[in-house]
Amino acid sequence: MGPINEYWYQEKNLKVGTVAAGRIDIYGLDESKYHGGMSEYSLPPMTRESWERFSDWLEEFETEELWSVHALFDEFESQTLYSIEWV
């Protein structure tokens, strides 16, 4: 997860540390199609709690095929019954 500039928090009238954003790193892809067999999805800002829950869930999640980021959101919410809180 990459840091968000403090100005962004001030501009949105949010307390620093309550929002997280970053990316999903994807490994194990076909190296002939993806450099080094890796890719990534950017993630829009979400609450810190949502980020931590989603991140923990992703640690154990594996697929045989590359899923869209929206399919990952849907599967997470379906399995955990937790709705990601977007900021």
PDB file of N, CA and C in Angstrom:
ATOM      1  N   MET A   1       0.844  -1.172   0.000  1.00  0.00           N
ATOM      2  CA  MET A   1       0.000   0.000   0.000  1.00  0.00           C
ATOM      3  C   MET A   1       0.885   1.228   0.000  1.00  0.00           C
ATOM      4  N   GLY A   2       0.577   2.155  -0.853  1.00  0.00           N
ATOM      5  CA  GLY A   2       1.332   3.389  -0.903  1.00  0.00           C
ATOM      6  C   GLY A   2       0.721   4.456  -0.015  1.00  0.00           C
ATOM      7  N   PRO A   3       1.532   5.387   0.424  1.00  0.00           N
ATOM      8  CA  PRO A   3       1.018   6.451   1.292  1.00  0.00           C
ATOM      9  C   PRO A   3       0.166   7.452   0.525  1.00  0.00           C
ATOM     10  N   ILE A   4      -0.735   8.065   1.222  1.00  0.00           N
ATOM     11  CA  ILE A   4      -1.540   9.148   0.667  1.00  0.00           C
ATOM     12  C   ILE A   4      -1.002  10.437   1.273  1.00  0.00           C
ATOM     13  N   ASN A   5      -0.838  11.445   0.462  1.00  0.00           N
ATOM     14  CA  ASN A   5      -0.341  12.724   0.921  1.00  0.00           C
ATOM     15  C   ASN A   5      -1.269  13.304   1.987  1.00  0.00           C
ATOM     16  N   GLU A   6      -0.700  13.893   3.044  1.00  0.00           N
ATOM     17  CA  GLU A   6      -1.506  14.461   4.132  1.00  0.00           C
ATOM     18  C   GLU A   6      -2.455  15.547   3.629  1.00  0.00           C
ATOM     19  N   TYR A   7      -2.051  16.271   2.590  1.00  0.00           N
ATOM     20  CA  TYR A   7      -2.927  17.296   2.020  1.00  0.00           C
ATOM     21  C   TYR A   7      -4.240  16.674   1.548  1.00  0.00           C
ATOM     22  N   TRP A   8      -4.173  15.466   0.998  1.00  0.00           N
ATOM     23  CA  TRP A   8      -5.370  14.778   0.520  1.00  0.00           C
ATOM     24  C   TRP A   8      -6.358  14.592   1.666  1.00  0.00           C
ATOM     25  N   TYR A   9      -5.862  14.192   2.845  1.00  0.00           N
ATOM     26  CA  TYR A   9      -6.717  14.037   4.020  1.00  0.00           C
ATOM     27  C   TYR A   9      -7.361  15.367   4.404  1.00  0.00           C
ATOM     28  N   GLN A  10      -6.555  16.416   4.443  1.00  0.00           N
ATOM     29  CA  GLN A  10      -7.060  17.742   4.819  1.00  0.00           C
ATOM     30  C   GLN A  10      -8.121  18.210   3.837  1.00  0.00           C
ATOM     31  N   GLU A  11      -7.842  18.016   2.554  1.00  0.00           N
ATOM     32  CA  GLU A  11      -8.772  18.434   1.516  1.00  0.00           C
ATOM     33  C   GLU A  11     -10.127  17.735   1.653  1.00  0.00           C
ATOM     34  N   LYS A  12     -10.105  16.469   2.087  1.00  0.00           N
ATOM     35  CA  LYS A  12     -11.327  15.674   2.231  1.00  0.00           C
ATOM     36  C   LYS A  12     -11.915  15.752   3.645  1.00  0.00           C
ATOM     37  N   ASN A  13     -11.245  16.550   4.510  1.00  0.00           N
ATOM     38  CA  ASN A  13     -11.675  16.700   5.896  1.00  0.00           C
ATOM     39  C   ASN A  13     -11.703  15.358   6.633  1.00  0.00           C
ATOM     40  N   LEU A  14     -10.628  14.568   6.453  1.00  0.00           N
ATOM     41  CA  LEU A  14     -10.500  13.257   7.078  1.00  0.00           C
ATOM     42  C   LEU A  14      -9.331  13.252   8.051  1.00  0.00           C
ATOM     43  N   LYS A  15      -9.415  12.408   9.052  1.00  0.00           N
ATOM     44  CA  LYS A  15      -8.328  12.228   9.993  1.00  0.00           C
ATOM     45  C   LYS A  15      -7.249  11.353   9.343  1.00  0.00           C
ATOM     46  N   VAL A  16      -5.978  11.776   9.456  1.00  0.00           N
ATOM     47  CA  VAL A  16      -4.867  11.009   8.883  1.00  0.00           C
ATOM     48  C   VAL A  16      -4.877   9.595   9.462  1.00  0.00           C
ATOM     49  N   GLY A  17      -4.712   8.609   8.585  1.00  0.00           N
ATOM     50  CA  GLY A  17      -4.669   7.216   9.004  1.00  0.00           C
ATOM     51  C   GLY A  17      -6.005   6.496   8.963  1.00  0.00           C
ATOM     52  N   THR A  18      -7.083   7.210   8.614  1.00  0.00           N
ATOM     53  CA  THR A  18      -8.400   6.568   8.570  1.00  0.00           C
ATOM     54  C   THR A  18      -8.736   6.022   7.195  1.00  0.00           C
ATOM     55  N   VAL A  19      -7.911   6.368   6.210  1.00  0.00           N
ATOM     56  CA  VAL A  19      -8.148   5.964   4.831  1.00  0.00           C
ATOM     57  C   VAL A  19      -6.899   5.280   4.290  1.00  0.00           C
ATOM     58  N   ALA A  20      -7.099   4.266   3.469  1.00  0.00           N
ATOM     59  CA  ALA A  20      -5.980   3.569   2.852  1.00  0.00           C
ATOM     60  C   ALA A  20      -6.274   3.378   1.375  1.00  0.00           C
ATOM     61  N   ALA A  21      -5.216   3.355   0.587  1.00  0.00           N
ATOM     62  CA  ALA A  21      -5.317   3.084  -0.839  1.00  0.00           C
ATOM     63  C   ALA A  21      -3.994   2.469  -1.266  1.00  0.00           C
ATOM     64  N   GLY A  22      -3.990   1.829  -2.381  1.00  0.00           N
ATOM     65  CA  GLY A  22      -2.753   1.221  -2.838  1.00  0.00           C
ATOM     66  C   GLY A  22      -2.995   0.339  -4.026  1.00  0.00           C
ATOM     67  N   ARG A  23      -2.488  -0.887  -3.941  1.00  0.00           N
ATOM     68  CA  ARG A  23      -2.608  -1.789  -5.081  1.00  0.00           C
ATOM     69  C   ARG A  23      -2.645  -3.236  -4.604  1.00  0.00           C
ATOM     70  N   ILE A  24      -3.116  -4.078  -5.498  1.00  0.00           N
ATOM     71  CA  ILE A  24      -3.051  -5.525  -5.308  1.00  0.00           C
ATOM     72  C   ILE A  24      -1.930  -6.017  -6.206  1.00  0.00           C
ATOM     73  N   ASP A  25      -0.942  -6.662  -5.630  1.00  0.00           N
ATOM     74  CA  ASP A  25       0.128  -7.277  -6.411  1.00  0.00           C
ATOM     75  C   ASP A  25      -0.316  -8.679  -6.804  1.00  0.00           C
ATOM     76  N   ILE A  26      -0.150  -9.014  -8.081  1.00  0.00           N
ATOM     77  CA  ILE A  26      -0.597 -10.294  -8.620  1.00  0.00           C
ATOM     78  C   ILE A  26       0.623 -11.070  -9.107  1.00  0.00           C
ATOM     79  N   TYR A  27       0.753 -12.296  -8.647  1.00  0.00           N
ATOM     80  CA  TYR A  27       1.896 -13.143  -8.982  1.00  0.00           C
ATOM     81  C   TYR A  27       1.432 -14.427  -9.655  1.00  0.00           C
ATOM     82  N   GLY A  28       2.367 -15.103 -10.319  1.00  0.00           N
ATOM     83  CA  GLY A  28       2.093 -16.421 -10.891  1.00  0.00           C
ATOM     84  C   GLY A  28       1.406 -16.398 -12.237  1.00  0.00           C
ATOM     85  N   LEU A  29       1.505 -15.292 -12.944  1.00  0.00           N
ATOM     86  CA  LEU A  29       0.869 -15.183 -14.259  1.00  0.00           C
ATOM     87  C   LEU A  29       1.795 -15.711 -15.352  1.00  0.00           C
ATOM     88  N   ASP A  30       1.248 -15.912 -16.527  1.00  0.00           N
ATOM     89  CA  ASP A  30       2.004 -16.366 -17.692  1.00  0.00           C
ATOM     90  C   ASP A  30       3.079 -15.334 -18.023  1.00  0.00           C
ATOM     91  N   GLU A  31       4.339 -15.741 -17.936  1.00  0.00           N
ATOM     92  CA  GLU A  31       5.451 -14.812 -18.159  1.00  0.00           C
ATOM     93  C   GLU A  31       5.557 -14.336 -19.606  1.00  0.00           C
ATOM     94  N   SER A  32       4.947 -15.070 -20.535  1.00  0.00           N
ATOM     95  CA  SER A  32       4.969 -14.617 -21.929  1.00  0.00           C
ATOM     96  C   SER A  32       3.972 -13.479 -22.158  1.00  0.00           C
ATOM     97  N   LYS A  33       3.017 -13.321 -21.242  1.00  0.00           N
ATOM     98  CA  LYS A  33       2.014 -12.263 -21.369  1.00  0.00           C
ATOM     99  C   LYS A  33       2.219 -11.134 -20.363  1.00  0.00           C
ATOM    100  N   TYR A  34       2.830 -11.434 -19.220  1.00  0.00           N
ATOM    101  CA  TYR A  34       3.004 -10.459 -18.150  1.00  0.00           C
ATOM    102  C   TYR A  34       4.467 -10.430 -17.733  1.00  0.00           C
ATOM    103  N   HIS A  35       5.053  -9.259 -17.716  1.00  0.00           N
ATOM    104  CA  HIS A  35       6.467  -9.100 -17.364  1.00  0.00           C
ATOM    105  C   HIS A  35       6.751  -9.741 -16.005  1.00  0.00           C
ATOM    106  N   GLY A  36       7.637 -10.716 -15.995  1.00  0.00           N
ATOM    107  CA  GLY A  36       7.999 -11.396 -14.757  1.00  0.00           C
ATOM    108  C   GLY A  36       6.877 -12.230 -14.167  1.00  0.00           C
ATOM    109  N   GLY A  37       5.806 -12.433 -14.931  1.00  0.00           N
ATOM    110  CA  GLY A  37       4.669 -13.197 -14.422  1.00  0.00           C
ATOM    111  C   GLY A  37       3.884 -12.451 -13.357  1.00  0.00           C
ATOM    112  N   MET A  38       4.001 -11.109 -13.366  1.00  0.00           N
ATOM    113  CA  MET A  38       3.336 -10.302 -12.338  1.00  0.00           C
ATOM    114  C   MET A  38       2.514  -9.177 -12.976  1.00  0.00           C
ATOM    115  N   SER A  39       1.547  -8.713 -12.221  1.00  0.00           N
ATOM    116  CA  SER A  39       0.744  -7.558 -12.605  1.00  0.00           C
ATOM    117  C   SER A  39       0.241  -6.907 -11.320  1.00  0.00           C
ATOM    118  N   GLU A  40      -0.576  -5.893 -11.469  1.00  0.00           N
ATOM    119  CA  GLU A  40      -1.142  -5.236 -10.296  1.00  0.00           C
ATOM    120  C   GLU A  40      -2.435  -4.537 -10.654  1.00  0.00           C
ATOM    121  N   TYR A  41      -3.266  -4.348  -9.647  1.00  0.00           N
ATOM    122  CA  TYR A  41      -4.483  -3.546  -9.769  1.00  0.00           C
ATOM    123  C   TYR A  41      -4.372  -2.391  -8.782  1.00  0.00           C
ATOM    124  N   SER A  42      -4.695  -1.197  -9.229  1.00  0.00           N
ATOM    125  CA  SER A  42      -4.784  -0.053  -8.333  1.00  0.00           C
ATOM    126  C   SER A  42      -6.080  -0.153  -7.543  1.00  0.00           C
ATOM    127  N   LEU A  43      -6.013   0.273  -6.293  1.00  0.00           N
ATOM    128  CA  LEU A  43      -7.203   0.276  -5.453  1.00  0.00           C
ATOM    129  C   LEU A  43      -7.586   1.697  -5.093  1.00  0.00           C
ATOM    130  N   PRO A  44      -8.861   2.035  -5.242  1.00  0.00           N
ATOM    131  CA  PRO A  44      -9.299   3.366  -4.821  1.00  0.00           C
ATOM    132  C   PRO A  44      -9.298   3.458  -3.293  1.00  0.00           C
ATOM    133  N   PRO A  45      -9.326   4.669  -2.760  1.00  0.00           N
ATOM    134  CA  PRO A  45      -9.334   4.828  -1.303  1.00  0.00           C
ATOM    135  C   PRO A  45     -10.538   4.165  -0.649  1.00  0.00           C
ATOM    136  N   MET A  46     -10.267   3.542   0.478  1.00  0.00           N
ATOM    137  CA  MET A  46     -11.294   2.914   1.302  1.00  0.00           C
ATOM    138  C   MET A  46     -10.936   3.157   2.766  1.00  0.00           C
ATOM    139  N   THR A  47     -11.861   2.863   3.654  1.00  0.00           N
ATOM    140  CA  THR A  47     -11.542   3.053   5.064  1.00  0.00           C
ATOM    141  C   THR A  47     -10.422   2.104   5.473  1.00  0.00           C
ATOM    142  N   ARG A  48      -9.708   2.480   6.513  1.00  0.00           N
ATOM    143  CA  ARG A  48      -8.609   1.655   7.016  1.00  0.00           C
ATOM    144  C   ARG A  48      -9.124   0.264   7.384  1.00  0.00           C
ATOM    145  N   GLU A  49     -10.281   0.181   8.044  1.00  0.00           N
ATOM    146  CA  GLU A  49     -10.835  -1.122   8.416  1.00  0.00           C
ATOM    147  C   GLU A  49     -11.112  -1.978   7.181  1.00  0.00           C
ATOM    148  N   SER A  50     -11.692  -1.384   6.152  1.00  0.00           N
ATOM    149  CA  SER A  50     -11.964  -2.126   4.920  1.00  0.00           C
ATOM    150  C   SER A  50     -10.666  -2.610   4.288  1.00  0.00           C
ATOM    151  N   TRP A  51      -9.655  -1.725   4.271  1.00  0.00           N
ATOM    152  CA  TRP A  51      -8.355  -2.103   3.700  1.00  0.00           C
ATOM    153  C   TRP A  51      -7.780  -3.305   4.442  1.00  0.00           C
ATOM    154  N   GLU A  52      -7.800  -3.253   5.768  1.00  0.00           N
ATOM    155  CA  GLU A  52      -7.216  -4.343   6.550  1.00  0.00           C
ATOM    156  C   GLU A  52      -7.966  -5.651   6.343  1.00  0.00           C
ATOM    157  N   ARG A  53      -9.294  -5.595   6.303  1.00  0.00           N
ATOM    158  CA  ARG A  53     -10.085  -6.811   6.075  1.00  0.00           C
ATOM    159  C   ARG A  53      -9.841  -7.384   4.673  1.00  0.00           C
ATOM    160  N   PHE A  54      -9.863  -6.509   3.685  1.00  0.00           N
ATOM    161  CA  PHE A  54      -9.663  -6.945   2.304  1.00  0.00           C
ATOM    162  C   PHE A  54      -8.246  -7.498   2.123  1.00  0.00           C
ATOM    163  N   SER A  55      -7.277  -6.822   2.672  1.00  0.00           N
ATOM    164  CA  SER A  55      -5.883  -7.257   2.583  1.00  0.00           C
ATOM    165  C   SER A  55      -5.681  -8.628   3.228  1.00  0.00           C
ATOM    166  N   ASP A  56      -6.239  -8.819   4.415  1.00  0.00           N
ATOM    167  CA  ASP A  56      -6.135 -10.114   5.100  1.00  0.00           C
ATOM    168  C   ASP A  56      -6.774 -11.219   4.267  1.00  0.00           C
ATOM    169  N   TRP A  57      -7.924 -10.937   3.706  1.00  0.00           N
ATOM    170  CA  TRP A  57      -8.627 -11.920   2.878  1.00  0.00           C
ATOM    171  C   TRP A  57      -7.801 -12.273   1.646  1.00  0.00           C
ATOM    172  N   LEU A  58      -7.204 -11.271   1.009  1.00  0.00           N
ATOM    173  CA  LEU A  58      -6.400 -11.510  -0.196  1.00  0.00           C
ATOM    174  C   LEU A  58      -5.170 -12.372   0.082  1.00  0.00           C
ATOM    175  N   GLU A  59      -4.627 -12.296   1.283  1.00  0.00           N
ATOM    176  CA  GLU A  59      -3.426 -13.073   1.627  1.00  0.00           C
ATOM    177  C   GLU A  59      -3.631 -14.567   1.376  1.00  0.00           C
ATOM    178  N   GLU A  60      -4.845 -15.058   1.572  1.00  0.00           N
ATOM    179  CA  GLU A  60      -5.143 -16.484   1.436  1.00  0.00           C
ATOM    180  C   GLU A  60      -5.850 -16.833   0.125  1.00  0.00           C
ATOM    181  N   PHE A  61      -6.220 -15.821  -0.656  1.00  0.00           N
ATOM    182  CA  PHE A  61      -7.031 -16.047  -1.845  1.00  0.00           C
ATOM    183  C   PHE A  61      -6.164 -16.370  -3.052  1.00  0.00           C
ATOM    184  N   GLU A  62      -6.500 -17.449  -3.761  1.00  0.00           N
ATOM    185  CA  GLU A  62      -5.796 -17.847  -4.977  1.00  0.00           C
ATOM    186  C   GLU A  62      -6.807 -18.270  -6.031  1.00  0.00           C
ATOM    187  N   THR A  63      -6.454 -18.022  -7.286  1.00  0.00           N
ATOM    188  CA  THR A  63      -7.280 -18.470  -8.398  1.00  0.00           C
ATOM    189  C   THR A  63      -6.375 -19.084  -9.460  1.00  0.00           C
ATOM    190  N   GLU A  64      -6.976 -19.837 -10.335  1.00  0.00           N
ATOM    191  CA  GLU A  64      -6.237 -20.419 -11.467  1.00  0.00           C
ATOM    192  C   GLU A  64      -6.176 -19.441 -12.631  1.00  0.00           C
ATOM    193  N   GLU A  65      -7.084 -18.469 -12.660  1.00  0.00           N
ATOM    194  CA  GLU A  65      -7.177 -17.487 -13.732  1.00  0.00           C
ATOM    195  C   GLU A  65      -7.097 -16.090 -13.142  1.00  0.00           C
ATOM    196  N   LEU A  66      -6.752 -15.120 -13.969  1.00  0.00           N
ATOM    197  CA  LEU A  66      -6.711 -13.731 -13.538  1.00  0.00           C
ATOM    198  C   LEU A  66      -8.134 -13.190 -13.461  1.00  0.00           C
ATOM    199  N   TRP A  67      -8.543 -12.775 -12.290  1.00  0.00           N
ATOM    200  CA  TRP A  67      -9.869 -12.194 -12.081  1.00  0.00           C
ATOM    201  C   TRP A  67      -9.785 -10.683 -12.213  1.00  0.00           C
ATOM    202  N   SER A  68     -10.883 -10.059 -12.574  1.00  0.00           N
ATOM    203  CA  SER A  68     -10.941  -8.596 -12.579  1.00  0.00           C
ATOM    204  C   SER A  68     -10.952  -8.109 -11.131  1.00  0.00           C
ATOM    205  N   VAL A  69     -10.563  -6.876 -10.947  1.00  0.00           N
ATOM    206  CA  VAL A  69     -10.565  -6.320  -9.595  1.00  0.00           C
ATOM    207  C   VAL A  69     -11.987  -6.262  -9.051  1.00  0.00           C
ATOM    208  N   HIS A  70     -12.954  -6.009  -9.912  1.00  0.00           N
ATOM    209  CA  HIS A  70     -14.349  -5.946  -9.450  1.00  0.00           C
ATOM    210  C   HIS A  70     -14.863  -7.327  -9.036  1.00  0.00           C
ATOM    211  N   ALA A  71     -14.424  -8.367  -9.723  1.00  0.00           N
ATOM    212  CA  ALA A  71     -14.781  -9.730  -9.323  1.00  0.00           C
ATOM    213  C   ALA A  71     -14.185 -10.044  -7.950  1.00  0.00           C
ATOM    214  N   LEU A  72     -12.978  -9.551  -7.683  1.00  0.00           N
ATOM    215  CA  LEU A  72     -12.366  -9.744  -6.364  1.00  0.00           C
ATOM    216  C   LEU A  72     -13.170  -9.040  -5.278  1.00  0.00           C
ATOM    217  N   PHE A  73     -13.587  -7.797  -5.546  1.00  0.00           N
ATOM    218  CA  PHE A  73     -14.415  -7.078  -4.573  1.00  0.00           C
ATOM    219  C   PHE A  73     -15.699  -7.855  -4.284  1.00  0.00           C
ATOM    220  N   ASP A  74     -16.350  -8.320  -5.350  1.00  0.00           N
ATOM    221  CA  ASP A  74     -17.607  -9.056  -5.195  1.00  0.00           C
ATOM    222  C   ASP A  74     -17.409 -10.347  -4.404  1.00  0.00           C
ATOM    223  N   GLU A  75     -16.347 -11.078  -4.702  1.00  0.00           N
ATOM    224  CA  GLU A  75     -16.089 -12.340  -4.005  1.00  0.00           C
ATOM    225  C   GLU A  75     -15.771 -12.099  -2.535  1.00  0.00           C
ATOM    226  N   PHE A  76     -14.983 -11.083  -2.262  1.00  0.00           N
ATOM    227  CA  PHE A  76     -14.673 -10.721  -0.880  1.00  0.00           C
ATOM    228  C   PHE A  76     -15.949 -10.427  -0.107  1.00  0.00           C
ATOM    229  N   GLU A  77     -16.801  -9.581  -0.679  1.00  0.00           N
ATOM    230  CA  GLU A  77     -18.029  -9.200   0.009  1.00  0.00           C
ATOM    231  C   GLU A  77     -18.974 -10.388   0.162  1.00  0.00           C
ATOM    232  N   SER A  78     -18.990 -11.268  -0.810  1.00  0.00           N
ATOM    233  CA  SER A  78     -19.831 -12.462  -0.745  1.00  0.00           C
ATOM    234  C   SER A  78     -19.351 -13.427   0.343  1.00  0.00           C
ATOM    235  N   GLN A  79     -18.051 -13.657   0.396  1.00  0.00           N
ATOM    236  CA  GLN A  79     -17.500 -14.604   1.376  1.00  0.00           C
ATOM    237  C   GLN A  79     -17.510 -14.068   2.800  1.00  0.00           C
ATOM    238  N   THR A  80     -17.264 -12.773   2.960  1.00  0.00           N
ATOM    239  CA  THR A  80     -17.115 -12.214   4.306  1.00  0.00           C
ATOM    240  C   THR A  80     -18.380 -11.541   4.827  1.00  0.00           C
ATOM    241  N   LEU A  81     -19.325 -11.277   3.935  1.00  0.00           N
ATOM    242  CA  LEU A  81     -20.540 -10.532   4.273  1.00  0.00           C
ATOM    243  C   LEU A  81     -20.209  -9.136   4.801  1.00  0.00           C
ATOM    244  N   TYR A  82     -19.077  -8.598   4.379  1.00  0.00           N
ATOM    245  CA  TYR A  82     -18.624  -7.253   4.750  1.00  0.00           C
ATOM    246  C   TYR A  82     -18.588  -6.403   3.499  1.00  0.00           C
ATOM    247  N   SER A  83     -19.204  -5.229   3.530  1.00  0.00           N
ATOM    248  CA  SER A  83     -19.196  -4.311   2.383  1.00  0.00           C
ATOM    249  C   SER A  83     -18.040  -3.336   2.522  1.00  0.00           C
ATOM    250  N   ILE A  84     -17.220  -3.269   1.507  1.00  0.00           N
ATOM    251  CA  ILE A  84     -16.102  -2.330   1.517  1.00  0.00           C
ATOM    252  C   ILE A  84     -16.660  -0.911   1.593  1.00  0.00           C
ATOM    253  N   GLU A  85     -16.082  -0.129   2.493  1.00  0.00           N
ATOM    254  CA  GLU A  85     -16.489   1.279   2.647  1.00  0.00           C
ATOM    255  C   GLU A  85     -15.515   2.138   1.837  1.00  0.00           C
ATOM    256  N   TRP A  86     -16.005   2.608   0.692  1.00  0.00           N
ATOM    257  CA  TRP A  86     -15.178   3.443  -0.191  1.00  0.00           C
ATOM    258  C   TRP A  86     -15.195   4.879   0.299  1.00  0.00           C
ATOM    259  N   VAL A  87     -14.093   5.571   0.086  1.00  0.00           N
ATOM    260  CA  VAL A  87     -13.977   6.972   0.511  1.00  0.00           C
ATOM    261  C   VAL A  87     -13.943   7.851  -0.721  1.00  0.00           C
TER     262      VAL A  87
END
